[in-house]
Protein backbone atom coordinates (compact mmCIF):
# COMPACT_ATOMS: atom_id res chain seq x y z
CA UNK A 1 12.09 -30.70 -33.95
CA UNK A 2 13.71 -33.99 -32.26
CA UNK A 3 11.95 -37.73 -33.13
CA UNK A 4 12.48 -41.09 -31.45
CA UNK A 5 11.61 -43.95 -33.79
CA UNK A 6 10.94 -47.26 -32.30
CA UNK A 7 9.78 -50.72 -32.67
CA UNK A 8 9.32 -54.14 -30.92
CA UNK A 9 11.40 -56.61 -32.98
CA UNK A 10 11.16 -60.34 -32.80
CA UNK A 11 12.57 -63.30 -35.17
CA UNK A 12 12.86 -60.76 -38.09
CA UNK A 13 16.16 -61.38 -39.30
CA UNK A 14 14.81 -62.38 -42.80
CA UNK A 15 13.82 -58.78 -43.27
CA UNK A 16 15.98 -56.85 -40.96
CA UNK A 17 18.57 -55.77 -43.44
CA UNK A 18 16.30 -54.08 -45.78
CA UNK A 19 14.29 -52.74 -42.55
CA UNK A 20 17.16 -51.01 -41.19
CA UNK A 21 18.25 -49.77 -44.52
CA UNK A 22 15.35 -48.17 -45.24
CA UNK A 23 15.19 -46.47 -42.00
CA UNK A 24 18.73 -44.98 -42.41
CA UNK A 25 17.56 -43.63 -45.98
CA UNK A 26 14.44 -42.07 -44.49
CA UNK A 27 14.78 -38.14 -44.30
CA UNK A 28 14.31 -36.79 -41.01
CA UNK A 29 14.76 -32.84 -40.31
CA UNK A 30 17.37 -33.70 -37.58
CA UNK A 31 19.00 -37.02 -36.79
CA UNK A 32 16.38 -39.17 -34.83
CA UNK A 33 16.89 -41.13 -32.10
CA UNK A 34 16.12 -44.85 -32.66
CA UNK A 35 15.17 -47.75 -29.78
CA UNK A 36 14.33 -51.18 -30.36
CA UNK A 37 13.40 -53.58 -28.06
CA UNK A 38 14.10 -57.48 -29.06
CA UNK A 39 12.06 -59.91 -27.60
CA UNK A 40 12.83 -63.46 -27.20
CA UNK A 41 14.20 -64.01 -30.75
CA UNK A 42 15.59 -67.29 -31.69
CA UNK A 43 17.46 -66.31 -34.77
CA UNK A 44 19.76 -63.48 -35.70
CA UNK A 45 17.64 -60.70 -34.90
CA UNK A 46 19.75 -59.46 -31.92
CA UNK A 47 23.08 -59.88 -33.45
CA UNK A 48 21.68 -57.82 -36.45
CA UNK A 49 20.27 -55.23 -34.36
CA UNK A 50 23.33 -54.70 -32.29
CA UNK A 51 25.52 -54.46 -35.44
CA UNK A 52 23.20 -51.73 -36.94
CA UNK A 53 23.19 -49.57 -33.79
CA UNK A 54 27.13 -49.82 -33.96
CA UNK A 55 27.61 -49.30 -37.53
CA UNK A 56 24.75 -47.17 -38.95
CA UNK A 57 25.36 -43.47 -39.96
CA UNK A 58 22.76 -42.78 -37.05
CA UNK A 59 24.58 -44.97 -34.63
CA UNK A 60 25.13 -42.31 -31.96
CA UNK A 61 21.47 -41.83 -31.93
CA UNK A 62 20.34 -45.88 -31.29
CA UNK A 63 19.63 -47.86 -28.19
CA UNK A 64 18.80 -51.42 -28.20
CA UNK A 65 17.15 -53.30 -25.13
CA UNK A 66 16.88 -57.07 -25.00
CA UNK A 67 14.12 -58.46 -23.04
CA UNK A 68 13.00 -61.86 -22.28
CA UNK A 69 9.38 -62.59 -20.73
CA UNK A 70 9.33 -66.22 -21.17
CA UNK A 71 5.97 -66.19 -22.95
CA UNK A 72 4.98 -68.89 -25.58
CA UNK A 73 6.79 -68.76 -28.47
CA UNK A 74 5.17 -66.84 -31.33
CA UNK A 75 6.42 -65.86 -34.86
CA UNK A 76 5.48 -63.49 -37.73
CA UNK A 77 1.93 -62.60 -37.17
CA UNK A 78 1.48 -65.11 -34.37
CA UNK A 79 1.24 -62.47 -31.44
CA UNK A 80 0.16 -62.50 -27.82
CA UNK A 81 -1.18 -59.10 -27.72
CA UNK A 82 -1.02 -58.53 -23.98
CA UNK A 83 2.71 -59.05 -24.30
CA UNK A 84 2.86 -56.62 -27.25
CA UNK A 85 1.20 -53.82 -25.49
CA UNK A 86 3.38 -54.26 -22.56
CA UNK A 87 6.59 -53.65 -24.51
CA UNK A 88 5.11 -51.01 -26.56
CA UNK A 89 4.21 -49.33 -23.66
CA UNK A 90 7.84 -49.34 -22.46
CA UNK A 91 8.91 -47.55 -25.81
CA UNK A 92 6.48 -45.01 -24.96
CA UNK A 93 7.72 -44.42 -21.09
CA UNK A 94 11.19 -44.60 -22.36
CA UNK A 95 10.25 -41.80 -25.15
CA UNK A 96 8.94 -39.46 -22.36
CA UNK A 97 12.22 -39.49 -20.84
CA UNK A 98 13.67 -37.70 -23.85
CA UNK A 99 12.88 -34.13 -24.80
CA UNK A 100 11.54 -35.48 -28.22
CA UNK A 101 8.40 -33.65 -29.90
CA UNK A 102 7.45 -37.02 -31.89
CA UNK A 103 7.42 -40.51 -31.58
CA UNK A 104 7.51 -42.40 -34.83
CA UNK A 105 6.32 -46.23 -34.53
CA UNK A 106 7.46 -48.59 -37.55
CA UNK A 107 6.66 -52.02 -37.39
CA UNK A 108 10.08 -54.34 -38.31
CA UNK A 109 8.09 -55.62 -41.44
CA UNK A 110 7.28 -52.36 -42.93
CA UNK A 111 9.70 -50.80 -45.57
CA UNK A 112 9.33 -46.91 -45.28
CA UNK A 113 10.25 -44.56 -47.96
CA UNK A 114 12.65 -41.50 -47.78
CA UNK A 115 9.94 -38.87 -47.73
CA UNK A 116 7.69 -41.00 -45.32
CA UNK A 117 8.23 -38.89 -42.06
CA UNK A 118 8.23 -35.90 -43.93
CA UNK A 119 4.55 -37.02 -45.60
CA UNK A 120 3.38 -37.61 -41.98
CA UNK A 121 4.61 -34.47 -40.52
CA UNK A 122 3.17 -32.56 -43.18
CA UNK A 123 -0.44 -33.82 -42.44
CA UNK A 124 0.44 -33.48 -38.73
CA UNK A 125 0.76 -29.69 -39.31
CA UNK A 126 -2.57 -29.52 -40.71
CA UNK A 127 -4.43 -31.76 -38.24
CA UNK A 128 -2.41 -31.63 -35.06
CA UNK A 129 -3.10 -35.15 -34.19
CA UNK A 130 -1.63 -38.72 -35.27
CA UNK A 131 -1.00 -39.53 -38.90
CA UNK A 132 -0.56 -43.04 -40.18
CA UNK A 133 1.45 -44.23 -43.47
CA UNK A 134 -0.83 -46.29 -45.69
CA UNK A 135 -0.06 -50.05 -46.30
CA UNK A 136 -1.96 -52.88 -47.61
CA UNK A 137 -2.84 -55.69 -44.85
CA UNK A 138 -3.63 -58.51 -47.27
CA UNK A 139 -0.46 -60.47 -48.30
CA UNK A 140 0.54 -60.28 -52.07
CA UNK A 141 -2.21 -57.53 -52.96
CA UNK A 142 -1.93 -53.62 -52.67
CA UNK A 143 -3.90 -50.76 -51.86
CA UNK A 144 -6.49 -50.26 -54.82
CA UNK A 145 -9.20 -48.21 -52.95
CA UNK A 146 -11.01 -51.47 -51.74
CA UNK A 147 -8.49 -53.71 -50.28
CA UNK A 148 -8.05 -53.75 -46.67
CA UNK A 149 -5.38 -51.42 -45.49
CA UNK A 150 -3.85 -50.45 -42.09
CA UNK A 151 -6.78 -48.34 -41.17
CA UNK A 152 -10.32 -48.76 -40.04
CA UNK A 153 -13.14 -46.37 -39.66
CA UNK A 154 -16.24 -46.18 -37.37
CA UNK A 155 -19.58 -47.94 -38.65
CA UNK A 156 -22.45 -47.89 -36.35
CA UNK A 157 -19.88 -47.86 -33.55
CA UNK A 158 -18.01 -50.65 -34.51
CA UNK A 159 -14.32 -50.31 -36.11
CA UNK A 160 -14.38 -51.65 -39.98
CA UNK A 161 -12.48 -51.68 -42.88
CA UNK A 162 -13.68 -49.17 -45.15
CA UNK A 163 -15.58 -50.38 -48.45
CA UNK A 164 -13.80 -47.65 -50.44
CA UNK A 165 -11.40 -45.11 -49.84
CA UNK A 166 -9.17 -42.52 -51.45
CA UNK A 167 -5.81 -43.13 -53.10
CA UNK A 168 -4.19 -39.97 -52.17
CA UNK A 169 -4.67 -37.04 -49.83
CA UNK A 170 -5.65 -37.14 -46.14
CA UNK A 171 -8.22 -39.23 -44.38
CA UNK A 172 -9.71 -39.11 -41.28
CA UNK A 173 -10.04 -42.71 -39.21
CA UNK A 174 -10.91 -44.38 -35.95
CA UNK A 175 -7.83 -46.75 -36.29
CA UNK A 176 -4.46 -47.31 -37.57
CA UNK A 177 -1.32 -49.07 -36.95
CA UNK A 178 2.10 -50.52 -38.36
CA UNK A 179 3.70 -46.90 -39.19
CA UNK A 180 2.61 -43.81 -37.61
CA UNK A 181 3.57 -40.49 -36.06
CA UNK A 182 2.32 -39.35 -32.61
CA UNK A 183 2.53 -35.82 -30.95
CA UNK A 184 4.40 -36.15 -27.63
CA UNK A 185 1.13 -34.60 -26.12
CA UNK A 186 -1.26 -37.23 -26.75
CA UNK A 187 1.39 -39.57 -25.13
CA UNK A 188 2.16 -37.28 -22.06
CA UNK A 189 -1.47 -37.20 -21.33
CA UNK A 190 -1.84 -40.91 -20.99
CA UNK A 191 -2.80 -42.63 -24.45
CA UNK A 192 -1.14 -46.36 -23.97
CA UNK A 193 -1.47 -49.82 -25.76
CA UNK A 194 -3.67 -52.51 -24.18
CA UNK A 195 -4.81 -55.93 -24.96
CA UNK A 196 -7.69 -56.44 -27.32
CA UNK A 197 -8.88 -58.95 -29.86
CA UNK A 198 -8.22 -56.69 -32.70
CA UNK A 199 -4.74 -55.79 -31.60
CA UNK A 200 -2.67 -53.67 -29.33
CA UNK A 201 -3.37 -50.43 -31.45
CA UNK A 202 -7.42 -50.65 -30.63
CA UNK A 203 -6.83 -49.34 -27.06
CA UNK A 204 -4.16 -46.80 -27.95
CA UNK A 205 -6.06 -45.49 -30.66
CA UNK A 206 -9.14 -45.14 -28.43
CA UNK A 207 -7.39 -43.41 -25.45
CA UNK A 208 -5.83 -40.98 -28.00
CA UNK A 209 -9.47 -40.10 -29.07
CA UNK A 210 -10.64 -39.82 -25.83
CA UNK A 211 -8.01 -37.32 -25.26
CA UNK A 212 -9.00 -35.54 -28.27
CA UNK A 213 -6.61 -36.37 -30.77
CA UNK A 214 -7.59 -37.10 -34.27
CA UNK A 215 -6.05 -39.75 -36.37
CA UNK A 216 -5.53 -39.34 -39.98
CA UNK A 217 -3.75 -41.12 -42.91
CA UNK A 218 -1.80 -39.69 -45.33
CA UNK A 219 -2.58 -41.84 -48.57
CA UNK A 220 0.29 -40.79 -50.32
CA UNK A 221 2.90 -41.81 -48.04
CA UNK A 222 2.71 -45.80 -48.83
CA UNK A 223 5.02 -48.16 -47.69
CA UNK A 224 5.72 -51.93 -48.03
CA UNK A 225 4.24 -54.29 -45.89
CA UNK A 226 6.26 -57.42 -46.00
CA UNK A 227 3.51 -60.04 -44.53
CA UNK A 228 5.28 -63.02 -46.27
CA UNK A 229 8.71 -64.11 -45.76
CA UNK A 230 10.44 -64.24 -48.71
């Protein structure tokens, strides 16, 4: 089993050492391939990524693309979704040039746990589809069965945060983001990101479901969401 892990990274020097160390410690059956697209950073993001790709224990399986699109400056949680969609789709196209079985998207403000991949993979074996790890989407709070997380469900045809949700086990949802595992077939058959008011993940998840791919959360695979710069 081969895995590609990828992310779009911009102005994240404040968290990159911890983020990259967590990726190094995450257990994956075979050495994964990493690909980062560094986009218009004005801090030390590019330097830190280049250094990690050279020095990480997985350095022989790492790649870094610098891209400059000249879009209006944005920083943490101030996004141009059309630009993000374009760059995320570049990651997917690059993934398809490999022979990897899975693509794992891990946003650069997420601190994964050593067992994150294994938990997502085990849920995939049961469901056959996309699987997300659970994070809290409210700064300074934690998942508690009610506080908004990185998953939405359909209610009356609209995507909404569930009023309540389980704190363990698997949960089928309409949308996830931030950190999730995707089987190759759903990308090969055309699931792609797009511009949307609720974020570029919405068109991706919708297109995946139209292809017949279910989306689940592994509620035990909890990761830390660093929404506020320390």
